[in-house]
Amino acid sequence: MTALNSFNTSTVPRQPRNRFQSQQLLMFGKKDRARVVRDILPERRGRISWSNTTWFAISNDNLGIPAGTVVELLAREGNTWLVKAVTDENVSSSAA
C-alpha cells in the first residue's frame, strides 16, 4: 500500500458558512436605513435601494425579507450589504 492509498479521503461535514464572519467588513456606526426592492430570500441575495442606487443584500439571520420592508445596514462586503429588517417599534422611535 502506498502512502497515497493510505490517505483518508473521507469528507468532513461542512458547516454553513457565513461569508461575512471571516471577511474584513465596512462597519457603520450610525444606523443607515434602506428599502428592499427585490425580495431577500433565505440564504439568497435580494436588492435594496440606498444612496440613490440599488445594491445586493442578504439577511443577517438568513430569513426572508419581502420587498417594501425597511432594513438597517449592518456591514458591507464588496457590493453586497448585510441587513436586518427594522421592526415597527424601531421605525417609530427613530422618527421621533
PDB file of N, CA and C in Angstrom:
ATOM      1  N   MET A   1       0.849  -1.178   0.000  1.00  0.00           N
ATOM      2  CA  MET A   1       0.000   0.000   0.000  1.00  0.00           C
ATOM      3  C   MET A   1       0.894   1.240   0.000  1.00  0.00           C
ATOM      4  N   THR A   2       0.636   2.132  -0.896  1.00  0.00           N
ATOM      5  CA  THR A   2       1.429   3.358  -0.962  1.00  0.00           C
ATOM      6  C   THR A   2       0.870   4.388   0.001  1.00  0.00           C
ATOM      7  N   ALA A   3       1.657   5.425   0.243  1.00  0.00           N
ATOM      8  CA  ALA A   3       1.219   6.499   1.139  1.00  0.00           C
ATOM      9  C   ALA A   3      -0.035   7.170   0.598  1.00  0.00           C
ATOM     10  N   LEU A   4      -0.137   7.260  -0.713  1.00  0.00           N
ATOM     11  CA  LEU A   4      -1.303   7.891  -1.321  1.00  0.00           C
ATOM     12  C   LEU A   4      -2.570   7.094  -1.028  1.00  0.00           C
ATOM     13  N   ASN A   5      -2.469   5.777  -1.075  1.00  0.00           N
ATOM     14  CA  ASN A   5      -3.637   4.938  -0.819  1.00  0.00           C
ATOM     15  C   ASN A   5      -4.056   4.941   0.645  1.00  0.00           C
ATOM     16  N   SER A   6      -3.131   5.210   1.561  1.00  0.00           N
ATOM     17  CA  SER A   6      -3.475   5.194   2.976  1.00  0.00           C
ATOM     18  C   SER A   6      -4.054   6.536   3.444  1.00  0.00           C
ATOM     19  N   PHE A   7      -4.060   7.519   2.579  1.00  0.00           N
ATOM     20  CA  PHE A   7      -4.594   8.832   2.937  1.00  0.00           C
ATOM     21  C   PHE A   7      -6.106   8.734   3.116  1.00  0.00           C
ATOM     22  N   ASN A   8      -6.601   9.275   4.198  1.00  0.00           N
ATOM     23  CA  ASN A   8      -8.037   9.235   4.482  1.00  0.00           C
ATOM     24  C   ASN A   8      -8.737  10.298   3.639  1.00  0.00           C
ATOM     25  N   THR A   9      -9.582   9.857   2.734  1.00  0.00           N
ATOM     26  CA  THR A   9     -10.261  10.801   1.842  1.00  0.00           C
ATOM     27  C   THR A   9     -11.714  11.028   2.238  1.00  0.00           C
ATOM     28  N   SER A  10     -12.095  10.598   3.439  1.00  0.00           N
ATOM     29  CA  SER A  10     -13.484  10.824   3.852  1.00  0.00           C
ATOM     30  C   SER A  10     -13.720  12.323   4.019  1.00  0.00           C
ATOM     31  N   THR A  11     -14.919  12.719   3.727  1.00  0.00           N
ATOM     32  CA  THR A  11     -15.223  14.143   3.811  1.00  0.00           C
ATOM     33  C   THR A  11     -15.791  14.482   5.175  1.00  0.00           C
ATOM     34  N   VAL A  12     -15.456  15.642   5.635  1.00  0.00           N
ATOM     35  CA  VAL A  12     -15.962  16.144   6.903  1.00  0.00           C
ATOM     36  C   VAL A  12     -17.208  16.963   6.592  1.00  0.00           C
ATOM     37  N   PRO A  13     -18.291  16.772   7.338  1.00  0.00           N
ATOM     38  CA  PRO A  13     -19.483  17.578   7.074  1.00  0.00           C
ATOM     39  C   PRO A  13     -19.161  19.063   7.203  1.00  0.00           C
ATOM     40  N   ARG A  14     -19.609  19.834   6.238  1.00  0.00           N
ATOM     41  CA  ARG A  14     -19.332  21.270   6.239  1.00  0.00           C
ATOM     42  C   ARG A  14     -20.430  22.017   6.980  1.00  0.00           C
ATOM     43  N   GLN A  15     -20.002  22.971   7.768  1.00  0.00           N
ATOM     44  CA  GLN A  15     -20.941  23.856   8.436  1.00  0.00           C
ATOM     45  C   GLN A  15     -21.354  24.941   7.459  1.00  0.00           C
ATOM     46  N   PRO A  16     -22.600  25.423   7.552  1.00  0.00           N
ATOM     47  CA  PRO A  16     -22.968  26.551   6.700  1.00  0.00           C
ATOM     48  C   PRO A  16     -22.034  27.717   6.987  1.00  0.00           C
ATOM     49  N   ARG A  17     -21.560  28.338   5.947  1.00  0.00           N
ATOM     50  CA  ARG A  17     -20.567  29.398   6.103  1.00  0.00           C
ATOM     51  C   ARG A  17     -21.219  30.746   5.866  1.00  0.00           C
ATOM     52  N   ASN A  18     -21.068  31.610   6.834  1.00  0.00           N
ATOM     53  CA  ASN A  18     -21.499  32.986   6.656  1.00  0.00           C
ATOM     54  C   ASN A  18     -20.282  33.745   6.174  1.00  0.00           C
ATOM     55  N   ARG A  19     -20.292  34.153   4.927  1.00  0.00           N
ATOM     56  CA  ARG A  19     -19.105  34.767   4.350  1.00  0.00           C
ATOM     57  C   ARG A  19     -18.749  36.081   5.008  1.00  0.00           C
ATOM     58  N   PHE A  20     -19.658  36.650   5.793  1.00  0.00           N
ATOM     59  CA  PHE A  20     -19.364  37.905   6.461  1.00  0.00           C
ATOM     60  C   PHE A  20     -18.595  37.690   7.757  1.00  0.00           C
ATOM     61  N   GLN A  21     -18.512  36.460   8.273  1.00  0.00           N
ATOM     62  CA  GLN A  21     -17.851  36.217   9.543  1.00  0.00           C
ATOM     63  C   GLN A  21     -16.344  36.409   9.467  1.00  0.00           C
ATOM     64  N   SER A  22     -15.725  35.963   8.409  1.00  0.00           N
ATOM     65  CA  SER A  22     -14.269  35.955   8.371  1.00  0.00           C
ATOM     66  C   SER A  22     -13.680  37.023   7.459  1.00  0.00           C
ATOM     67  N   GLN A  23     -14.501  37.838   6.880  1.00  0.00           N
ATOM     68  CA  GLN A  23     -14.014  38.843   5.944  1.00  0.00           C
ATOM     69  C   GLN A  23     -13.844  40.191   6.634  1.00  0.00           C
ATOM     70  N   GLN A  24     -12.977  41.003   6.068  1.00  0.00           N
ATOM     71  CA  GLN A  24     -12.856  42.384   6.521  1.00  0.00           C
ATOM     72  C   GLN A  24     -14.120  43.122   6.088  1.00  0.00           C
ATOM     73  N   LEU A  25     -14.786  43.782   7.019  1.00  0.00           N
ATOM     74  CA  LEU A  25     -16.065  44.410   6.723  1.00  0.00           C
ATOM     75  C   LEU A  25     -15.975  45.918   6.850  1.00  0.00           C
ATOM     76  N   LEU A  26     -16.791  46.585   6.082  1.00  0.00           N
ATOM     77  CA  LEU A  26     -17.018  48.005   6.293  1.00  0.00           C
ATOM     78  C   LEU A  26     -18.157  48.105   7.295  1.00  0.00           C
ATOM     79  N   MET A  27     -17.881  48.586   8.474  1.00  0.00           N
ATOM     80  CA  MET A  27     -18.909  48.693   9.502  1.00  0.00           C
ATOM     81  C   MET A  27     -19.311  50.155   9.637  1.00  0.00           C
ATOM     82  N   PHE A  28     -20.556  50.377   9.965  1.00  0.00           N
ATOM     83  CA  PHE A  28     -21.077  51.728  10.066  1.00  0.00           C
ATOM     84  C   PHE A  28     -21.628  51.953  11.460  1.00  0.00           C
ATOM     85  N   GLY A  29     -21.180  53.041  12.103  1.00  0.00           N
ATOM     86  CA  GLY A  29     -21.628  53.348  13.450  1.00  0.00           C
ATOM     87  C   GLY A  29     -23.051  53.864  13.483  1.00  0.00           C
ATOM     88  N   LYS A  30     -23.407  54.730  12.545  1.00  0.00           N
ATOM     89  CA  LYS A  30     -24.778  55.243  12.550  1.00  0.00           C
ATOM     90  C   LYS A  30     -25.708  54.231  11.903  1.00  0.00           C
ATOM     91  N   LYS A  31     -26.969  54.347  12.202  1.00  0.00           N
ATOM     92  CA  LYS A  31     -27.945  53.383  11.698  1.00  0.00           C
ATOM     93  C   LYS A  31     -28.516  53.865  10.376  1.00  0.00           C
ATOM     94  N   ASP A  32     -27.866  53.503   9.299  1.00  0.00           N
ATOM     95  CA  ASP A  32     -28.382  53.821   7.974  1.00  0.00           C
ATOM     96  C   ASP A  32     -29.498  52.850   7.637  1.00  0.00           C
ATOM     97  N   ARG A  33     -30.496  53.352   6.934  1.00  0.00           N
ATOM     98  CA  ARG A  33     -31.651  52.551   6.560  1.00  0.00           C
ATOM     99  C   ARG A  33     -31.771  52.491   5.047  1.00  0.00           C
ATOM    100  N   ALA A  34     -32.357  51.421   4.562  1.00  0.00           N
ATOM    101  CA  ALA A  34     -32.603  51.238   3.129  1.00  0.00           C
ATOM    102  C   ALA A  34     -33.957  50.552   2.981  1.00  0.00           C
ATOM    103  N   ARG A  35     -34.427  50.430   1.746  1.00  0.00           N
ATOM    104  CA  ARG A  35     -35.695  49.747   1.474  1.00  0.00           C
ATOM    105  C   ARG A  35     -35.432  48.586   0.521  1.00  0.00           C
ATOM    106  N   VAL A  36     -36.016  47.430   0.840  1.00  0.00           N
ATOM    107  CA  VAL A  36     -35.881  46.247  -0.013  1.00  0.00           C
ATOM    108  C   VAL A  36     -36.721  46.466  -1.269  1.00  0.00           C
ATOM    109  N   VAL A  37     -36.087  46.311  -2.450  1.00  0.00           N
ATOM    110  CA  VAL A  37     -36.808  46.475  -3.718  1.00  0.00           C
ATOM    111  C   VAL A  37     -37.008  45.147  -4.449  1.00  0.00           C
ATOM    112  N   ARG A  38     -36.242  44.125  -4.090  1.00  0.00           N
ATOM    113  CA  ARG A  38     -36.449  42.762  -4.592  1.00  0.00           C
ATOM    114  C   ARG A  38     -36.275  41.820  -3.413  1.00  0.00           C
ATOM    115  N   ASP A  39     -37.255  40.954  -3.192  1.00  0.00           N
ATOM    116  CA  ASP A  39     -37.265  40.082  -2.015  1.00  0.00           C
ATOM    117  C   ASP A  39     -35.890  39.495  -1.726  1.00  0.00           C
ATOM    118  N   ILE A  40     -35.529  39.508  -0.435  1.00  0.00           N
ATOM    119  CA  ILE A  40     -34.333  38.809   0.035  1.00  0.00           C
ATOM    120  C   ILE A  40     -34.828  37.464   0.555  1.00  0.00           C
ATOM    121  N   LEU A  41     -34.441  36.398  -0.104  1.00  0.00           N
ATOM    122  CA  LEU A  41     -34.888  35.061   0.268  1.00  0.00           C
ATOM    123  C   LEU A  41     -33.886  34.437   1.228  1.00  0.00           C
ATOM    124  N   PRO A  42     -34.303  33.411   1.998  1.00  0.00           N
ATOM    125  CA  PRO A  42     -33.362  32.760   2.911  1.00  0.00           C
ATOM    126  C   PRO A  42     -32.111  32.281   2.164  1.00  0.00           C
ATOM    127  N   GLU A  43     -30.963  32.712   2.640  1.00  0.00           N
ATOM    128  CA  GLU A  43     -29.654  32.358   2.083  1.00  0.00           C
ATOM    129  C   GLU A  43     -29.497  32.744   0.617  1.00  0.00           C
ATOM    130  N   ARG A  44     -30.265  33.739   0.162  1.00  0.00           N
ATOM    131  CA  ARG A  44     -30.171  34.259  -1.209  1.00  0.00           C
ATOM    132  C   ARG A  44     -30.127  35.777  -1.159  1.00  0.00           C
ATOM    133  N   ARG A  45     -29.462  36.354  -2.143  1.00  0.00           N
ATOM    134  CA  ARG A  45     -29.402  37.808  -2.213  1.00  0.00           C
ATOM    135  C   ARG A  45     -30.681  38.381  -2.800  1.00  0.00           C
ATOM    136  N   GLY A  46     -31.018  39.553  -2.328  1.00  0.00           N
ATOM    137  CA  GLY A  46     -32.085  40.353  -2.910  1.00  0.00           C
ATOM    138  C   GLY A  46     -31.480  41.697  -3.283  1.00  0.00           C
ATOM    139  N   ARG A  47     -32.328  42.716  -3.440  1.00  0.00           N
ATOM    140  CA  ARG A  47     -31.840  44.057  -3.782  1.00  0.00           C
ATOM    141  C   ARG A  47     -32.442  45.063  -2.814  1.00  0.00           C
ATOM    142  N   ILE A  48     -31.624  46.062  -2.455  1.00  0.00           N
ATOM    143  CA  ILE A  48     -32.086  47.178  -1.642  1.00  0.00           C
ATOM    144  C   ILE A  48     -31.801  48.476  -2.377  1.00  0.00           C
ATOM    145  N   SER A  49     -32.554  49.503  -2.026  1.00  0.00           N
ATOM    146  CA  SER A  49     -32.315  50.831  -2.568  1.00  0.00           C
ATOM    147  C   SER A  49     -31.725  51.681  -1.452  1.00  0.00           C
ATOM    148  N   TRP A  50     -30.527  52.214  -1.688  1.00  0.00           N
ATOM    149  CA  TRP A  50     -29.840  53.041  -0.703  1.00  0.00           C
ATOM    150  C   TRP A  50     -28.910  53.991  -1.441  1.00  0.00           C
ATOM    151  N   SER A  51     -28.874  55.217  -1.024  1.00  0.00           N
ATOM    152  CA  SER A  51     -27.970  56.222  -1.578  1.00  0.00           C
ATOM    153  C   SER A  51     -28.133  56.362  -3.096  1.00  0.00           C
ATOM    154  N   ASN A  52     -29.383  56.460  -3.528  1.00  0.00           N
ATOM    155  CA  ASN A  52     -29.733  56.688  -4.937  1.00  0.00           C
ATOM    156  C   ASN A  52     -29.284  55.590  -5.895  1.00  0.00           C
ATOM    157  N   THR A  53     -29.096  54.388  -5.396  1.00  0.00           N
ATOM    158  CA  THR A  53     -28.764  53.256  -6.263  1.00  0.00           C
ATOM    159  C   THR A  53     -29.277  51.972  -5.620  1.00  0.00           C
ATOM    160  N   THR A  54     -29.237  50.865  -6.360  1.00  0.00           N
ATOM    161  CA  THR A  54     -29.626  49.586  -5.767  1.00  0.00           C
ATOM    162  C   THR A  54     -28.378  48.747  -5.520  1.00  0.00           C
ATOM    163  N   TRP A  55     -28.451  47.956  -4.475  1.00  0.00           N
ATOM    164  CA  TRP A  55     -27.339  47.114  -4.036  1.00  0.00           C
ATOM    165  C   TRP A  55     -27.858  45.705  -3.782  1.00  0.00           C
ATOM    166  N   PHE A  56     -26.960  44.722  -3.878  1.00  0.00           N
ATOM    167  CA  PHE A  56     -27.288  43.378  -3.421  1.00  0.00           C
ATOM    168  C   PHE A  56     -27.336  43.404  -1.897  1.00  0.00           C
ATOM    169  N   ALA A  57     -28.152  42.527  -1.314  1.00  0.00           N
ATOM    170  CA  ALA A  57     -28.234  42.435   0.144  1.00  0.00           C
ATOM    171  C   ALA A  57     -28.620  41.025   0.549  1.00  0.00           C
ATOM    172  N   ILE A  58     -28.115  40.611   1.716  1.00  0.00           N
ATOM    173  CA  ILE A  58     -28.540  39.352   2.327  1.00  0.00           C
ATOM    174  C   ILE A  58     -28.956  39.641   3.762  1.00  0.00           C
ATOM    175  N   SER A  59     -29.807  38.787   4.292  1.00  0.00           N
ATOM    176  CA  SER A  59     -30.322  38.952   5.643  1.00  0.00           C
ATOM    177  C   SER A  59     -29.316  38.429   6.662  1.00  0.00           C
ATOM    178  N   ASN A  60     -29.177  39.141   7.786  1.00  0.00           N
ATOM    179  CA  ASN A  60     -28.226  38.702   8.806  1.00  0.00           C
ATOM    180  C   ASN A  60     -28.681  37.448   9.536  1.00  0.00           C
ATOM    181  N   ASP A  61     -29.974  37.145   9.511  1.00  0.00           N
ATOM    182  CA  ASP A  61     -30.471  35.961  10.214  1.00  0.00           C
ATOM    183  C   ASP A  61     -30.947  34.863   9.260  1.00  0.00           C
ATOM    184  N   ASN A  62     -30.599  35.003   7.967  1.00  0.00           N
ATOM    185  CA  ASN A  62     -30.951  34.021   6.932  1.00  0.00           C
ATOM    186  C   ASN A  62     -32.451  33.767   6.810  1.00  0.00           C
ATOM    187  N   LEU A  63     -33.253  34.767   7.147  1.00  0.00           N
ATOM    188  CA  LEU A  63     -34.690  34.692   6.936  1.00  0.00           C
ATOM    189  C   LEU A  63     -35.049  35.577   5.762  1.00  0.00           C
ATOM    190  N   GLY A  64     -36.187  35.328   5.165  1.00  0.00           N
ATOM    191  CA  GLY A  64     -36.629  36.145   4.048  1.00  0.00           C
ATOM    192  C   GLY A  64     -37.096  37.521   4.498  1.00  0.00           C
ATOM    193  N   ILE A  65     -36.874  38.513   3.643  1.00  0.00           N
ATOM    194  CA  ILE A  65     -37.360  39.873   3.883  1.00  0.00           C
ATOM    195  C   ILE A  65     -38.069  40.308   2.606  1.00  0.00           C
ATOM    196  N   PRO A  66     -39.375  40.609   2.691  1.00  0.00           N
ATOM    197  CA  PRO A  66     -40.124  40.954   1.480  1.00  0.00           C
ATOM    198  C   PRO A  66     -39.818  42.359   0.978  1.00  0.00           C
ATOM    199  N   ALA A  67     -40.054  42.570  -0.314  1.00  0.00           N
ATOM    200  CA  ALA A  67     -39.886  43.892  -0.917  1.00  0.00           C
ATOM    201  C   ALA A  67     -40.779  44.891  -0.191  1.00  0.00           C
ATOM    202  N   GLY A  68     -40.276  46.113  -0.051  1.00  0.00           N
ATOM    203  CA  GLY A  68     -41.002  47.170   0.636  1.00  0.00           C
ATOM    204  C   GLY A  68     -40.617  47.329   2.090  1.00  0.00           C
ATOM    205  N   THR A  69     -39.914  46.351   2.656  1.00  0.00           N
ATOM    206  CA  THR A  69     -39.511  46.396   4.055  1.00  0.00           C
ATOM    207  C   THR A  69     -38.334  47.343   4.238  1.00  0.00           C
ATOM    208  N   VAL A  70     -38.361  48.112   5.333  1.00  0.00           N
ATOM    209  CA  VAL A  70     -37.227  48.960   5.688  1.00  0.00           C
ATOM    210  C   VAL A  70     -36.220  48.084   6.424  1.00  0.00           C
ATOM    211  N   VAL A  71     -34.942  48.220   6.057  1.00  0.00           N
ATOM    212  CA  VAL A  71     -33.881  47.429   6.681  1.00  0.00           C
ATOM    213  C   VAL A  71     -32.778  48.343   7.195  1.00  0.00           C
ATOM    214  N   GLU A  72     -32.048  47.848   8.166  1.00  0.00           N
ATOM    215  CA  GLU A  72     -30.888  48.546   8.710  1.00  0.00           C
ATOM    216  C   GLU A  72     -29.634  47.950   8.075  1.00  0.00           C
ATOM    217  N   LEU A  73     -28.725  48.809   7.643  1.00  0.00           N
ATOM    218  CA  LEU A  73     -27.466  48.357   7.050  1.00  0.00           C
ATOM    219  C   LEU A  73     -26.497  48.013   8.176  1.00  0.00           C
ATOM    220  N   LEU A  74     -25.992  46.790   8.182  1.00  0.00           N
ATOM    221  CA  LEU A  74     -25.091  46.340   9.239  1.00  0.00           C
ATOM    222  C   LEU A  74     -23.635  46.336   8.799  1.00  0.00           C
ATOM    223  N   ALA A  75     -23.365  45.846   7.608  1.00  0.00           N
ATOM    224  CA  ALA A  75     -21.993  45.726   7.113  1.00  0.00           C
ATOM    225  C   ALA A  75     -22.042  45.559   5.608  1.00  0.00           C
ATOM    226  N   ARG A  76     -20.884  45.774   4.975  1.00  0.00           N
ATOM    227  CA  ARG A  76     -20.817  45.607   3.528  1.00  0.00           C
ATOM    228  C   ARG A  76     -19.554  44.854   3.158  1.00  0.00           C
ATOM    229  N   GLU A  77     -19.704  43.909   2.224  1.00  0.00           N
ATOM    230  CA  GLU A  77     -18.563  43.214   1.640  1.00  0.00           C
ATOM    231  C   GLU A  77     -18.694  43.381   0.134  1.00  0.00           C
ATOM    232  N   GLY A  78     -17.780  44.129  -0.461  1.00  0.00           N
ATOM    233  CA  GLY A  78     -17.868  44.389  -1.894  1.00  0.00           C
ATOM    234  C   GLY A  78     -19.141  45.140  -2.212  1.00  0.00           C
ATOM    235  N   ASN A  79     -19.975  44.562  -3.073  1.00  0.00           N
ATOM    236  CA  ASN A  79     -21.222  45.229  -3.445  1.00  0.00           C
ATOM    237  C   ASN A  79     -22.447  44.594  -2.781  1.00  0.00           C
ATOM    238  N   THR A  80     -22.238  43.848  -1.704  1.00  0.00           N
ATOM    239  CA  THR A  80     -23.339  43.177  -1.013  1.00  0.00           C
ATOM    240  C   THR A  80     -23.426  43.652   0.431  1.00  0.00           C
ATOM    241  N   TRP A  81     -24.611  44.106   0.821  1.00  0.00           N
ATOM    242  CA  TRP A  81     -24.871  44.559   2.186  1.00  0.00           C
ATOM    243  C   TRP A  81     -25.435  43.434   3.028  1.00  0.00           C
ATOM    244  N   LEU A  82     -25.054  43.417   4.294  1.00  0.00           N
ATOM    245  CA  LEU A  82     -25.661  42.561   5.303  1.00  0.00           C
ATOM    246  C   LEU A  82     -26.693  43.439   6.004  1.00  0.00           C
ATOM    247  N   VAL A  83     -27.954  43.015   6.002  1.00  0.00           N
ATOM    248  CA  VAL A  83     -29.029  43.858   6.528  1.00  0.00           C
ATOM    249  C   VAL A  83     -29.889  43.094   7.523  1.00  0.00           C
ATOM    250  N   LYS A  84     -30.627  43.865   8.317  1.00  0.00           N
ATOM    251  CA  LYS A  84     -31.637  43.257   9.183  1.00  0.00           C
ATOM    252  C   LYS A  84     -32.902  44.082   9.071  1.00  0.00           C
ATOM    253  N   ALA A  85     -34.031  43.397   9.106  1.00  0.00           N
ATOM    254  CA  ALA A  85     -35.325  44.071   9.000  1.00  0.00           C
ATOM    255  C   ALA A  85     -35.536  44.953  10.219  1.00  0.00           C
ATOM    256  N   VAL A  86     -36.101  46.125   9.987  1.00  0.00           N
ATOM    257  CA  VAL A  86     -36.404  47.059  11.064  1.00  0.00           C
ATOM    258  C   VAL A  86     -37.837  46.809  11.503  1.00  0.00           C
ATOM    259  N   THR A  87     -38.023  46.634  12.808  1.00  0.00           N
ATOM    260  CA  THR A  87     -39.374  46.417  13.324  1.00  0.00           C
ATOM    261  C   THR A  87     -40.123  47.740  13.371  1.00  0.00           C
ATOM    262  N   ASP A  88     -41.437  47.675  13.425  1.00  0.00           N
ATOM    263  CA  ASP A  88     -42.259  48.888  13.517  1.00  0.00           C
ATOM    264  C   ASP A  88     -41.870  49.724  14.726  1.00  0.00           C
ATOM    265  N   GLU A  89     -41.511  49.061  15.814  1.00  0.00           N
ATOM    266  CA  GLU A  89     -41.119  49.749  17.039  1.00  0.00           C
ATOM    267  C   GLU A  89     -39.877  50.602  16.802  1.00  0.00           C
ATOM    268  N   ASN A  90     -38.880  50.051  16.100  1.00  0.00           N
ATOM    269  CA  ASN A  90     -37.651  50.793  15.817  1.00  0.00           C
ATOM    270  C   ASN A  90     -37.885  51.926  14.833  1.00  0.00           C
ATOM    271  N   VAL A  91     -38.777  51.745  13.875  1.00  0.00           N
ATOM    272  CA  VAL A  91     -39.061  52.787  12.892  1.00  0.00           C
ATOM    273  C   VAL A  91     -39.693  53.984  13.577  1.00  0.00           C
ATOM    274  N   SER A  92     -40.680  53.746  14.458  1.00  0.00           N
ATOM    275  CA  SER A  92     -41.367  54.854  15.113  1.00  0.00           C
ATOM    276  C   SER A  92     -40.463  55.575  16.100  1.00  0.00           C
ATOM    277  N   SER A  93     -39.564  54.858  16.794  1.00  0.00           N
ATOM    278  CA  SER A  93     -38.687  55.518  17.759  1.00  0.00           C
ATOM    279  C   SER A  93     -37.617  56.346  17.071  1.00  0.00           C
ATOM    280  N   SER A  94     -37.184  55.963  15.874  1.00  0.00           N
ATOM    281  CA  SER A  94     -36.166  56.740  15.174  1.00  0.00           C
ATOM    282  C   SER A  94     -36.766  57.973  14.515  1.00  0.00           C
ATOM    283  N   ALA A  95     -38.068  57.978  14.284  1.00  0.00           N
ATOM    284  CA  ALA A  95     -38.720  59.123  13.660  1.00  0.00           C
ATOM    285  C   ALA A  95     -38.984  60.233  14.670  1.00  0.00           C
ATOM    286  N   ALA A  96     -38.994  59.911  15.950  1.00  0.00           N
ATOM    287  CA  ALA A  96     -39.287  60.906  16.989  1.00  0.00           C
ATOM    288  C   ALA A  96     -38.116  61.798  17.277  1.00  0.00           C
TER     289      ALA A  96
END
